[in-house]
PDB file of N, CA and C in Angstrom:
ATOM      1  N   MET A   1       1.397   0.081 -56.133  1.00  0.00           N
ATOM      2  CA  MET A   1       2.371  -1.017 -56.009  1.00  0.00           C
ATOM      3  C   MET A   1       1.836  -2.161 -56.853  1.00  0.00           C
ATOM      4  N   SER A   2       2.822  -2.682 -57.540  1.00  0.00           N
ATOM      5  CA  SER A   2       2.407  -3.771 -58.421  1.00  0.00           C
ATOM      6  C   SER A   2       2.460  -5.186 -57.522  1.00  0.00           C
ATOM      7  N   ARG A   3       1.657  -5.911 -58.066  1.00  0.00           N
ATOM      8  CA  ARG A   3       1.563  -7.197 -57.444  1.00  0.00           C
ATOM      9  C   ARG A   3       2.747  -8.244 -57.123  1.00  0.00           C
ATOM     10  N   GLY A   4       3.765  -7.911 -57.956  1.00  0.00           N
ATOM     11  CA  GLY A   4       4.980  -8.906 -58.051  1.00  0.00           C
ATOM     12  C   GLY A   4       5.972  -8.385 -56.974  1.00  0.00           C
ATOM     13  N   LYS A   5       5.932  -7.256 -56.509  1.00  0.00           N
ATOM     14  CA  LYS A   5       7.071  -6.719 -55.629  1.00  0.00           C
ATOM     15  C   LYS A   5       6.637  -6.686 -54.172  1.00  0.00           C
ATOM     16  N   LYS A   6       7.516  -6.953 -53.294  1.00  0.00           N
ATOM     17  CA  LYS A   6       7.347  -6.883 -51.868  1.00  0.00           C
ATOM     18  C   LYS A   6       7.858  -5.548 -51.277  1.00  0.00           C
ATOM     19  N   LEU A   7       7.154  -5.042 -50.407  1.00  0.00           N
ATOM     20  CA  LEU A   7       7.594  -3.872 -49.760  1.00  0.00           C
ATOM     21  C   LEU A   7       8.365  -4.175 -48.575  1.00  0.00           C
ATOM     22  N   ASP A   8       9.740  -3.690 -48.476  1.00  0.00           N
ATOM     23  CA  ASP A   8      10.559  -4.178 -47.401  1.00  0.00           C
ATOM     24  C   ASP A   8      10.926  -3.050 -46.437  1.00  0.00           C
ATOM     25  N   LEU A   9      10.313  -3.035 -45.228  1.00  0.00           N
ATOM     26  CA  LEU A   9      10.575  -1.978 -44.467  1.00  0.00           C
ATOM     27  C   LEU A   9      11.104  -2.402 -43.137  1.00  0.00           C
ATOM     28  N   PHE A  10      12.215  -1.744 -42.567  1.00  0.00           N
ATOM     29  CA  PHE A  10      12.833  -2.245 -41.308  1.00  0.00           C
ATOM     30  C   PHE A  10      12.936  -0.936 -40.410  1.00  0.00           C
ATOM     31  N   ILE A  11      12.104  -1.079 -39.332  1.00  0.00           N
ATOM     32  CA  ILE A  11      12.049  -0.013 -38.330  1.00  0.00           C
ATOM     33  C   ILE A  11      12.478  -0.557 -37.018  1.00  0.00           C
ATOM     34  N   GLY A  12      13.458   0.060 -36.380  1.00  0.00           N
ATOM     35  CA  GLY A  12      14.014  -0.411 -35.259  1.00  0.00           C
ATOM     36  C   GLY A  12      15.557  -0.089 -35.099  1.00  0.00           C
ATOM     37  N   ALA A  13      16.016  -0.694 -34.028  1.00  0.00           N
ATOM     38  CA  ALA A  13      17.576  -0.554 -33.877  1.00  0.00           C
ATOM     39  C   ALA A  13      18.206  -1.781 -33.544  1.00  0.00           C
ATOM     40  N   GLU A  14      19.553  -1.862 -33.859  1.00  0.00           N
ATOM     41  CA  GLU A  14      20.199  -3.029 -33.565  1.00  0.00           C
ATOM     42  C   GLU A  14      20.731  -3.044 -32.003  1.00  0.00           C
ATOM     43  N   ILE A  15      20.506  -4.035 -31.422  1.00  0.00           N
ATOM     44  CA  ILE A  15      21.097  -4.134 -30.075  1.00  0.00           C
ATOM     45  C   ILE A  15      22.410  -4.830 -29.949  1.00  0.00           C
ATOM     46  N   GLU A  16      23.498  -4.236 -29.684  1.00  0.00           N
ATOM     47  CA  GLU A  16      24.660  -4.840 -29.518  1.00  0.00           C
ATOM     48  C   GLU A  16      25.113  -5.342 -28.053  1.00  0.00           C
ATOM     49  N   ASP A  17      26.188  -5.916 -27.871  1.00  0.00           N
ATOM     50  CA  ASP A  17      26.599  -6.236 -26.675  1.00  0.00           C
ATOM     51  C   ASP A  17      26.869  -5.040 -25.629  1.00  0.00           C
ATOM     52  N   GLY A  18      27.032  -3.998 -26.150  1.00  0.00           N
ATOM     53  CA  GLY A  18      27.216  -2.869 -25.289  1.00  0.00           C
ATOM     54  C   GLY A  18      25.999  -2.396 -24.440  1.00  0.00           C
ATOM     55  N   TRP A  19      24.700  -2.738 -24.860  1.00  0.00           N
ATOM     56  CA  TRP A  19      23.631  -2.266 -24.255  1.00  0.00           C
ATOM     57  C   TRP A  19      23.371  -3.103 -22.876  1.00  0.00           C
ATOM     58  N   ALA A  20      22.838  -2.579 -21.882  1.00  0.00           N
ATOM     59  CA  ALA A  20      22.627  -3.124 -20.498  1.00  0.00           C
ATOM     60  C   ALA A  20      21.230  -2.602 -20.022  1.00  0.00           C
ATOM     61  N   GLU A  21      20.704  -3.449 -19.136  1.00  0.00           N
ATOM     62  CA  GLU A  21      19.338  -2.946 -18.637  1.00  0.00           C
ATOM     63  C   GLU A  21      19.755  -2.170 -17.448  1.00  0.00           C
ATOM     64  N   VAL A  22      18.737  -1.087 -17.329  1.00  0.00           N
ATOM     65  CA  VAL A  22      19.125  -0.139 -16.246  1.00  0.00           C
ATOM     66  C   VAL A  22      18.417  -0.675 -14.844  1.00  0.00           C
ATOM     67  N   GLN A  23      19.176  -0.740 -13.965  1.00  0.00           N
ATOM     68  CA  GLN A  23      18.800  -1.317 -12.666  1.00  0.00           C
ATOM     69  C   GLN A  23      18.549  -0.214 -11.720  1.00  0.00           C
ATOM     70  N   SER A  24      17.414   0.354 -11.363  1.00  0.00           N
ATOM     71  CA  SER A  24      17.412   1.423 -10.450  1.00  0.00           C
ATOM     72  C   SER A  24      16.482   1.011  -9.108  1.00  0.00           C
ATOM     73  N   SER A  25      16.810   1.367  -8.049  1.00  0.00           N
ATOM     74  CA  SER A  25      15.941   1.254  -6.968  1.00  0.00           C
ATOM     75  C   SER A  25      14.809   2.055  -6.835  1.00  0.00           C
ATOM     76  N   ARG A  26      13.703   1.453  -6.218  1.00  0.00           N
ATOM     77  CA  ARG A  26      12.454   2.337  -6.006  1.00  0.00           C
ATOM     78  C   ARG A  26      12.768   3.719  -5.125  1.00  0.00           C
ATOM     79  N   LYS A  27      12.110   4.680  -5.561  1.00  0.00           N
ATOM     80  CA  LYS A  27      12.382   5.732  -4.654  1.00  0.00           C
ATOM     81  C   LYS A  27      11.754   5.647  -3.231  1.00  0.00           C
ATOM     82  N   SER A  28      10.510   5.248  -3.186  1.00  0.00           N
ATOM     83  CA  SER A  28       9.811   5.107  -1.939  1.00  0.00           C
ATOM     84  C   SER A  28       9.850   3.598  -1.595  1.00  0.00           C
ATOM     85  N   GLU A  29      10.888   3.182  -0.942  1.00  0.00           N
ATOM     86  CA  GLU A  29      11.135   1.714  -0.566  1.00  0.00           C
ATOM     87  C   GLU A  29      10.338   1.403   0.725  1.00  0.00           C
ATOM     88  N   ILE A  30       9.721   0.368   0.781  1.00  0.00           N
ATOM     89  CA  ILE A  30       9.012  -0.143   1.950  1.00  0.00           C
ATOM     90  C   ILE A  30       9.940  -0.772   2.849  1.00  0.00           C
ATOM     91  N   SER A  31      10.259  -0.228   4.170  1.00  0.00           N
ATOM     92  CA  SER A  31      11.099  -0.652   4.995  1.00  0.00           C
ATOM     93  C   SER A  31      10.433  -1.978   5.709  1.00  0.00           C
ATOM     94  N   ASN A  32      11.287  -2.928   5.821  1.00  0.00           N
ATOM     95  CA  ASN A  32      10.850  -4.242   6.578  1.00  0.00           C
ATOM     96  C   ASN A  32      11.210  -4.159   7.982  1.00  0.00           C
ATOM     97  N   GLU A  33      11.887  -3.059   8.381  1.00  0.00           N
ATOM     98  CA  GLU A  33      12.200  -2.979   9.880  1.00  0.00           C
ATOM     99  C   GLU A  33      11.088  -2.937  10.829  1.00  0.00           C
ATOM    100  N   ILE A  34      11.045  -3.445  11.840  1.00  0.00           N
ATOM    101  CA  ILE A  34      10.003  -3.571  12.850  1.00  0.00           C
ATOM    102  C   ILE A  34      10.133  -2.423  13.798  1.00  0.00           C
ATOM    103  N   CYS A  35       9.150  -1.526  14.140  1.00  0.00           N
ATOM    104  CA  CYS A  35       9.330  -0.326  14.816  1.00  0.00           C
ATOM    105  C   CYS A  35       8.250  -0.429  16.029  1.00  0.00           C
ATOM    106  N   GLU A  36       8.591   0.262  17.103  1.00  0.00           N
ATOM    107  CA  GLU A  36       7.594   0.273  18.154  1.00  0.00           C
ATOM    108  C   GLU A  36       6.431   1.321  17.748  1.00  0.00           C
ATOM    109  N   PRO A  37       5.250   1.088  18.355  1.00  0.00           N
ATOM    110  CA  PRO A  37       4.105   2.031  17.992  1.00  0.00           C
ATOM    111  C   PRO A  37       4.432   3.539  18.063  1.00  0.00           C
ATOM    112  N   SER A  38       5.200   3.905  19.048  1.00  0.00           N
ATOM    113  CA  SER A  38       5.314   5.494  19.072  1.00  0.00           C
ATOM    114  C   SER A  38       6.158   6.131  17.798  1.00  0.00           C
ATOM    115  N   LYS A  39       6.900   5.202  17.070  1.00  0.00           N
ATOM    116  CA  LYS A  39       7.618   5.644  16.062  1.00  0.00           C
ATOM    117  C   LYS A  39       7.081   5.548  14.664  1.00  0.00           C
ATOM    118  N   HIS A  40       5.775   5.206  14.600  1.00  0.00           N
ATOM    119  CA  HIS A  40       5.030   5.049  13.526  1.00  0.00           C
ATOM    120  C   HIS A  40       4.436   6.476  13.066  1.00  0.00           C
ATOM    121  N   PHE A  41       4.315   6.775  11.806  1.00  0.00           N
ATOM    122  CA  PHE A  41       3.599   8.004  11.430  1.00  0.00           C
ATOM    123  C   PHE A  41       2.636   7.431  10.370  1.00  0.00           C
ATOM    124  N   LEU A  42       1.285   7.221  10.945  1.00  0.00           N
ATOM    125  CA  LEU A  42       0.274   6.610  10.131  1.00  0.00           C
ATOM    126  C   LEU A  42      -0.513   7.726   9.440  1.00  0.00           C
ATOM    127  N   PHE A  43      -1.281   7.301   8.374  1.00  0.00           N
ATOM    128  CA  PHE A  43      -2.255   8.167   7.766  1.00  0.00           C
ATOM    129  C   PHE A  43      -3.350   7.407   7.271  1.00  0.00           C
ATOM    130  N   PHE A  44      -4.592   7.975   6.731  1.00  0.00           N
ATOM    131  CA  PHE A  44      -5.556   7.403   6.332  1.00  0.00           C
ATOM    132  C   PHE A  44      -5.844   7.574   4.897  1.00  0.00           C
ATOM    133  N   LYS A  45      -6.316   6.666   4.266  1.00  0.00           N
ATOM    134  CA  LYS A  45      -6.992   6.751   2.961  1.00  0.00           C
ATOM    135  C   LYS A  45      -8.245   6.129   2.756  1.00  0.00           C
ATOM    136  N   LYS A  46      -9.039   6.804   1.962  1.00  0.00           N
ATOM    137  CA  LYS A  46     -10.270   6.360   1.703  1.00  0.00           C
ATOM    138  C   LYS A  46     -10.614   5.848   0.204  1.00  0.00           C
ATOM    139  N   GLU A  47     -11.164   4.629   0.078  1.00  0.00           N
ATOM    140  CA  GLU A  47     -11.374   4.105  -1.318  1.00  0.00           C
ATOM    141  C   GLU A  47     -12.680   3.594  -1.407  1.00  0.00           C
ATOM    142  N   LYS A  48     -13.148   3.526  -2.577  1.00  0.00           N
ATOM    143  CA  LYS A  48     -14.421   2.862  -2.900  1.00  0.00           C
ATOM    144  C   LYS A  48     -14.182   1.533  -3.432  1.00  0.00           C
ATOM    145  N   ARG A  49     -14.844   0.436  -2.965  1.00  0.00           N
ATOM    146  CA  ARG A  49     -14.645  -0.899  -3.445  1.00  0.00           C
ATOM    147  C   ARG A  49     -16.024  -1.511  -3.744  1.00  0.00           C
ATOM    148  N   ARG A  50     -16.329  -1.749  -4.984  1.00  0.00           N
ATOM    149  CA  ARG A  50     -17.682  -2.450  -5.167  1.00  0.00           C
ATOM    150  C   ARG A  50     -18.787  -1.475  -4.756  1.00  0.00           C
ATOM    151  N   GLY A  51     -18.586  -0.172  -4.809  1.00  0.00           N
ATOM    152  CA  GLY A  51     -19.575   0.928  -4.524  1.00  0.00           C
ATOM    153  C   GLY A  51     -19.676   1.194  -2.901  1.00  0.00           C
ATOM    154  N   LYS A  52     -18.749   0.532  -2.135  1.00  0.00           N
ATOM    155  CA  LYS A  52     -18.822   0.656  -0.631  1.00  0.00           C
ATOM    156  C   LYS A  52     -17.388   1.350  -0.285  1.00  0.00           C
ATOM    157  N   THR A  53     -17.505   2.201   0.786  1.00  0.00           N
ATOM    158  CA  THR A  53     -16.315   2.774   1.454  1.00  0.00           C
ATOM    159  C   THR A  53     -15.524   1.910   2.173  1.00  0.00           C
ATOM    160  N   VAL A  54     -14.249   1.929   2.062  1.00  0.00           N
ATOM    161  CA  VAL A  54     -13.207   1.219   2.686  1.00  0.00           C
ATOM    162  C   VAL A  54     -12.064   2.364   3.121  1.00  0.00           C
ATOM    163  N   THR A  55     -11.836   2.170   4.612  1.00  0.00           N
ATOM    164  CA  THR A  55     -10.869   3.088   5.192  1.00  0.00           C
ATOM    165  C   THR A  55      -9.531   2.228   5.450  1.00  0.00           C
ATOM    166  N   LEU A  56      -8.589   2.800   4.966  1.00  0.00           N
ATOM    167  CA  LEU A  56      -7.146   2.232   5.018  1.00  0.00           C
ATOM    168  C   LEU A  56      -6.375   3.028   6.060  1.00  0.00           C
ATOM    169  N   ALA A  57      -5.618   2.338   6.871  1.00  0.00           N
ATOM    170  CA  ALA A  57      -4.851   2.780   7.837  1.00  0.00           C
ATOM    171  C   ALA A  57      -3.395   2.249   7.621  1.00  0.00           C
ATOM    172  N   GLY A  58      -2.381   3.138   7.790  1.00  0.00           N
ATOM    173  CA  GLY A  58      -0.953   2.535   7.680  1.00  0.00           C
ATOM    174  C   GLY A  58      -0.127   3.531   7.133  1.00  0.00           C
ATOM    175  N   PRO A  59       1.162   3.148   6.799  1.00  0.00           N
ATOM    176  CA  PRO A  59       1.682   1.952   6.794  1.00  0.00           C
ATOM    177  C   PRO A  59       2.320   1.579   8.195  1.00  0.00           C
ATOM    178  N   PHE A  60       1.886   0.250   8.515  1.00  0.00           N
ATOM    179  CA  PHE A  60       2.465  -0.356   9.855  1.00  0.00           C
ATOM    180  C   PHE A  60       3.775  -0.999   9.616  1.00  0.00           C
ATOM    181  N   GLN A  61       4.523  -0.790  10.625  1.00  0.00           N
ATOM    182  CA  GLN A  61       5.965  -1.508  10.586  1.00  0.00           C
ATOM    183  C   GLN A  61       6.040  -2.400  11.635  1.00  0.00           C
ATOM    184  N   ILE A  62       5.189  -3.330  11.909  1.00  0.00           N
ATOM    185  CA  ILE A  62       5.006  -4.289  12.983  1.00  0.00           C
ATOM    186  C   ILE A  62       5.121  -5.669  12.316  1.00  0.00           C
ATOM    187  N   SER A  63       5.350  -6.709  13.128  1.00  0.00           N
ATOM    188  CA  SER A  63       5.367  -7.984  12.733  1.00  0.00           C
ATOM    189  C   SER A  63       3.892  -8.504  12.279  1.00  0.00           C
ATOM    190  N   LYS A  64       3.758  -9.395  11.535  1.00  0.00           N
ATOM    191  CA  LYS A  64       2.397  -9.873  11.010  1.00  0.00           C
ATOM    192  C   LYS A  64       1.570 -10.369  12.256  1.00  0.00           C
ATOM    193  N   ASP A  65       2.276 -11.031  13.114  1.00  0.00           N
ATOM    194  CA  ASP A  65       1.493 -11.518  14.343  1.00  0.00           C
ATOM    195  C   ASP A  65       0.890 -10.434  15.022  1.00  0.00           C
ATOM    196  N   ASP A  66       1.796  -9.359  15.242  1.00  0.00           N
ATOM    197  CA  ASP A  66       1.217  -8.245  16.162  1.00  0.00           C
ATOM    198  C   ASP A  66       0.155  -7.432  15.317  1.00  0.00           C
ATOM    199  N   ALA A  67       0.291  -7.523  14.019  1.00  0.00           N
ATOM    200  CA  ALA A  67      -0.636  -6.785  13.289  1.00  0.00           C
ATOM    201  C   ALA A  67      -1.878  -7.414  13.207  1.00  0.00           C
ATOM    202  N   GLU A  68      -1.949  -8.723  13.263  1.00  0.00           N
ATOM    203  CA  GLU A  68      -3.185  -9.574  13.221  1.00  0.00           C
ATOM    204  C   GLU A  68      -3.983  -9.402  14.573  1.00  0.00           C
ATOM    205  N   THR A  69      -3.236  -9.497  15.689  1.00  0.00           N
ATOM    206  CA  THR A  69      -3.757  -9.223  16.895  1.00  0.00           C
ATOM    207  C   THR A  69      -4.377  -7.900  17.088  1.00  0.00           C
ATOM    208  N   LEU A  70      -3.661  -6.919  16.812  1.00  0.00           N
ATOM    209  CA  LEU A  70      -4.154  -5.565  16.767  1.00  0.00           C
ATOM    210  C   LEU A  70      -5.338  -5.381  15.854  1.00  0.00           C
ATOM    211  N   LEU A  71      -5.439  -5.893  14.770  1.00  0.00           N
ATOM    212  CA  LEU A  71      -6.611  -5.892  13.891  1.00  0.00           C
ATOM    213  C   LEU A  71      -7.760  -6.567  14.480  1.00  0.00           C
ATOM    214  N   LYS A  72      -7.530  -7.570  15.002  1.00  0.00           N
ATOM    215  CA  LYS A  72      -8.685  -8.368  15.642  1.00  0.00           C
ATOM    216  C   LYS A  72      -9.293  -7.606  16.942  1.00  0.00           C
ATOM    217  N   LEU A  73      -8.363  -6.899  17.590  1.00  0.00           N
ATOM    218  CA  LEU A  73      -8.803  -6.016  18.748  1.00  0.00           C
ATOM    219  C   LEU A  73      -9.617  -4.766  18.255  1.00  0.00           C
ATOM    220  N   ILE A  74      -9.066  -4.238  17.175  1.00  0.00           N
ATOM    221  CA  ILE A  74      -9.813  -2.983  16.657  1.00  0.00           C
ATOM    222  C   ILE A  74     -11.250  -3.345  16.048  1.00  0.00           C
ATOM    223  N   LYS A  75     -11.144  -4.544  15.334  1.00  0.00           N
ATOM    224  CA  LYS A  75     -12.400  -4.956  14.594  1.00  0.00           C
ATOM    225  C   LYS A  75     -13.508  -5.326  15.630  1.00  0.00           C
ATOM    226  N   LYS A  76     -13.007  -5.802  16.729  1.00  0.00           N
ATOM    227  CA  LYS A  76     -14.086  -6.281  17.826  1.00  0.00           C
ATOM    228  C   LYS A  76     -14.634  -5.058  18.386  1.00  0.00           C
ATOM    229  N   LYS A  77     -13.709  -3.956  18.738  1.00  0.00           N
ATOM    230  CA  LYS A  77     -14.114  -2.642  19.258  1.00  0.00           C
ATOM    231  C   LYS A  77     -15.153  -1.861  18.289  1.00  0.00           C
ATOM    232  N   LEU A  78     -14.710  -1.886  17.103  1.00  0.00           N
ATOM    233  CA  LEU A  78     -15.531  -1.035  16.144  1.00  0.00           C
ATOM    234  C   LEU A  78     -16.779  -1.821  15.562  1.00  0.00           C
ATOM    235  N   GLY A  79     -16.846  -3.099  15.534  1.00  0.00           N
ATOM    236  CA  GLY A  79     -17.903  -3.923  15.037  1.00  0.00           C
ATOM    237  C   GLY A  79     -17.950  -3.896  13.671  1.00  0.00           C
ATOM    238  N   CYS A  80     -16.833  -4.025  12.943  1.00  0.00           N
ATOM    239  CA  CYS A  80     -16.853  -4.097  11.472  1.00  0.00           C
ATOM    240  C   CYS A  80     -15.869  -5.146  10.973  1.00  0.00           C
ATOM    241  N   GLY A  81     -15.837  -5.324   9.761  1.00  0.00           N
ATOM    242  CA  GLY A  81     -14.777  -6.324   9.071  1.00  0.00           C
ATOM    243  C   GLY A  81     -13.620  -5.533   8.709  1.00  0.00           C
ATOM    244  N   GLY A  82     -12.597  -6.423   8.345  1.00  0.00           N
ATOM    245  CA  GLY A  82     -11.379  -5.786   8.002  1.00  0.00           C
ATOM    246  C   GLY A  82     -10.342  -6.831   7.688  1.00  0.00           C
ATOM    247  N   SER A  83      -9.217  -6.210   7.179  1.00  0.00           N
ATOM    248  CA  SER A  83      -8.127  -7.224   6.790  1.00  0.00           C
ATOM    249  C   SER A  83      -6.862  -6.452   6.967  1.00  0.00           C
ATOM    250  N   TYR A  84      -5.643  -7.203   6.822  1.00  0.00           N
ATOM    251  CA  TYR A  84      -4.397  -6.660   6.896  1.00  0.00           C
ATOM    252  C   TYR A  84      -3.737  -7.204   5.712  1.00  0.00           C
ATOM    253  N   LYS A  85      -3.247  -6.183   4.813  1.00  0.00           N
ATOM    254  CA  LYS A  85      -2.548  -6.483   3.472  1.00  0.00           C
ATOM    255  C   LYS A  85      -1.465  -5.585   3.221  1.00  0.00           C
ATOM    256  N   GLU A  86      -0.354  -6.034   3.091  1.00  0.00           N
ATOM    257  CA  GLU A  86       0.891  -5.287   2.650  1.00  0.00           C
ATOM    258  C   GLU A  86       1.069  -4.042   3.434  1.00  0.00           C
ATOM    259  N   SER A  87       1.172  -4.213   4.759  1.00  0.00           N
ATOM    260  CA  SER A  87       1.373  -3.296   5.885  1.00  0.00           C
ATOM    261  C   SER A  87       0.350  -2.219   5.976  1.00  0.00           C
ATOM    262  N   TRP A  88      -0.938  -2.526   5.340  1.00  0.00           N
ATOM    263  CA  TRP A  88      -1.979  -1.588   5.589  1.00  0.00           C
ATOM    264  C   TRP A  88      -3.210  -2.379   6.107  1.00  0.00           C
ATOM    265  N   MET A  89      -3.905  -1.716   6.996  1.00  0.00           N
ATOM    266  CA  MET A  89      -5.088  -2.307   7.619  1.00  0.00           C
ATOM    267  C   MET A  89      -6.360  -1.787   6.812  1.00  0.00           C
ATOM    268  N   GLU A  90      -7.270  -2.649   6.457  1.00  0.00           N
ATOM    269  CA  GLU A  90      -8.443  -2.131   5.611  1.00  0.00           C
ATOM    270  C   GLU A  90      -9.639  -2.423   6.556  1.00  0.00           C
ATOM    271  N   PHE A  91     -10.452  -1.363   6.727  1.00  0.00           N
ATOM    272  CA  PHE A  91     -11.741  -1.496   7.507  1.00  0.00           C
ATOM    273  C   PHE A  91     -12.885  -1.275   6.664  1.00  0.00           C
ATOM    274  N   GLN A  92     -14.029  -1.985   6.890  1.00  0.00           N
ATOM    275  CA  GLN A  92     -15.243  -1.744   6.034  1.00  0.00           C
ATOM    276  C   GLN A  92     -16.090  -0.582   6.650  1.00  0.00           C
ATOM    277  N   GLY A  93     -16.132   0.528   5.884  1.00  0.00           N
ATOM    278  CA  GLY A  93     -16.837   1.649   6.356  1.00  0.00           C
ATOM    279  C   GLY A  93     -16.121   2.917   6.473  1.00  0.00           C
ATOM    280  N   GLU A  94     -16.763   3.934   6.754  1.00  0.00           N
ATOM    281  CA  GLU A  94     -16.026   5.274   7.052  1.00  0.00           C
ATOM    282  C   GLU A  94     -15.773   5.433   8.471  1.00  0.00           C
ATOM    283  N   LEU A  95     -14.484   5.082   8.986  1.00  0.00           N
ATOM    284  CA  LEU A  95     -14.332   4.988  10.261  1.00  0.00           C
ATOM    285  C   LEU A  95     -13.189   5.650  10.789  1.00  0.00           C
ATOM    286  N   GLN A  96     -12.733   6.672  10.091  1.00  0.00           N
ATOM    287  CA  GLN A  96     -11.503   7.529  10.489  1.00  0.00           C
ATOM    288  C   GLN A  96     -11.452   8.000  11.842  1.00  0.00           C
ATOM    289  N   VAL A  97     -12.592   8.558  12.208  1.00  0.00           N
ATOM    290  CA  VAL A  97     -12.436   9.363  13.507  1.00  0.00           C
ATOM    291  C   VAL A  97     -12.468   8.297  14.655  1.00  0.00           C
ATOM    292  N   LYS A  98     -13.316   7.195  14.598  1.00  0.00           N
ATOM    293  CA  LYS A  98     -13.271   6.223  15.795  1.00  0.00           C
ATOM    294  C   LYS A  98     -11.768   5.533  15.684  1.00  0.00           C
ATOM    295  N   LEU A  99     -11.362   5.180  14.418  1.00  0.00           N
ATOM    296  CA  LEU A  99     -10.196   4.465  14.253  1.00  0.00           C
ATOM    297  C   LEU A  99      -8.965   5.249  14.777  1.00  0.00           C
ATOM    298  N   LYS A 100      -8.998   6.520  14.575  1.00  0.00           N
ATOM    299  CA  LYS A 100      -7.887   7.291  15.132  1.00  0.00           C
ATOM    300  C   LYS A 100      -7.871   7.306  16.516  1.00  0.00           C
ATOM    301  N   GLU A 101      -8.955   7.460  17.334  1.00  0.00           N
ATOM    302  CA  GLU A 101      -8.969   7.304  18.641  1.00  0.00           C
ATOM    303  C   GLU A 101      -8.324   6.031  19.263  1.00  0.00           C
ATOM    304  N   LEU A 102      -8.817   4.830  18.650  1.00  0.00           N
ATOM    305  CA  LEU A 102      -8.357   3.514  19.090  1.00  0.00           C
ATOM    306  C   LEU A 102      -6.770   3.382  18.856  1.00  0.00           C
ATOM    307  N   LEU A 103      -6.381   3.927  17.680  1.00  0.00           N
ATOM    308  CA  LEU A 103      -4.828   3.665  17.448  1.00  0.00           C
ATOM    309  C   LEU A 103      -4.010   4.615  18.395  1.00  0.00           C
ATOM    310  N   LEU A 104      -4.705   5.809  18.651  1.00  0.00           N
ATOM    311  CA  LEU A 104      -3.908   6.738  19.609  1.00  0.00           C
ATOM    312  C   LEU A 104      -3.755   6.044  21.081  1.00  0.00           C
ATOM    313  N   GLN A 105      -4.880   5.322  21.324  1.00  0.00           N
ATOM    314  CA  GLN A 105      -4.806   4.617  22.686  1.00  0.00           C
ATOM    315  C   GLN A 105      -3.778   3.507  22.700  1.00  0.00           C
ATOM    316  N   GLU A 106      -3.475   2.861  21.495  1.00  0.00           N
ATOM    317  CA  GLU A 106      -2.541   1.863  21.333  1.00  0.00           C
ATOM    318  C   GLU A 106      -1.090   2.428  21.340  1.00  0.00           C
ATOM    319  N   GLY A 107      -0.953   3.683  21.203  1.00  0.00           N
ATOM    320  CA  GLY A 107       0.328   4.446  21.265  1.00  0.00           C
ATOM    321  C   GLY A 107       0.889   4.733  19.902  1.00  0.00           C
ATOM    322  N   PHE A 108       0.071   4.629  18.818  1.00  0.00           N
ATOM    323  CA  PHE A 108       0.494   5.005  17.370  1.00  0.00           C
ATOM    324  C   PHE A 108       0.297   6.631  17.247  1.00  0.00           C
ATOM    325  N   ARG A 109       1.150   7.118  16.381  1.00  0.00           N
ATOM    326  CA  ARG A 109       1.108   8.504  16.049  1.00  0.00           C
ATOM    327  C   ARG A 109       0.752   8.691  14.668  1.00  0.00           C
ATOM    328  N   PHE A 110       0.295   9.862  14.239  1.00  0.00           N
ATOM    329  CA  PHE A 110      -0.334  10.122  12.966  1.00  0.00           C
ATOM    330  C   PHE A 110       0.432  11.398  12.356  1.00  0.00           C
ATOM    331  N   LYS A 111       0.496  11.459  11.058  1.00  0.00           N
ATOM    332  CA  LYS A 111       0.955  12.590  10.360  1.00  0.00           C
ATOM    333  C   LYS A 111       0.134  13.852  10.595  1.00  0.00           C
ATOM    334  N   HIS A 112       0.586  14.945  10.568  1.00  0.00           N
ATOM    335  CA  HIS A 112      -0.229  16.133  10.785  1.00  0.00           C
ATOM    336  C   HIS A 112      -1.328  16.321   9.622  1.00  0.00           C
ATOM    337  N   GLY A 113      -2.517  16.523   9.980  1.00  0.00           N
ATOM    338  CA  GLY A 113      -3.689  16.587   9.029  1.00  0.00           C
ATOM    339  C   GLY A 113      -4.375  15.456   8.856  1.00  0.00           C
ATOM    340  N   HIS A 114      -4.057  14.390   9.596  1.00  0.00           N
ATOM    341  CA  HIS A 114      -4.797  12.997   9.242  1.00  0.00           C
ATOM    342  C   HIS A 114      -5.406  12.551  10.783  1.00  0.00           C
TER     343      HIS A 114
END
């Protein structure tokens, strides 16, 4: 290329008025409906956070106040820390067996294999 000429490239498409943004709903929508404990189907997840194990139980479909009181009761019985975020209860440590017993006593149900 010589110094005096500019290279003119146009890559792309023209957007006309006929184009529209696609609005699709999520396939797995989180229900905001409050259910009684016997209608829950909970399961566990295990994650590593900062090198330590965290046990997640959920998803819960109860009011935030009920979730906080349940969380406080379980944390006291287990002697561990935890929190409630986005319909999931997080507990510090690997507590799946003990946690399942306590939640079954409260009337919650679990998916098969959990």
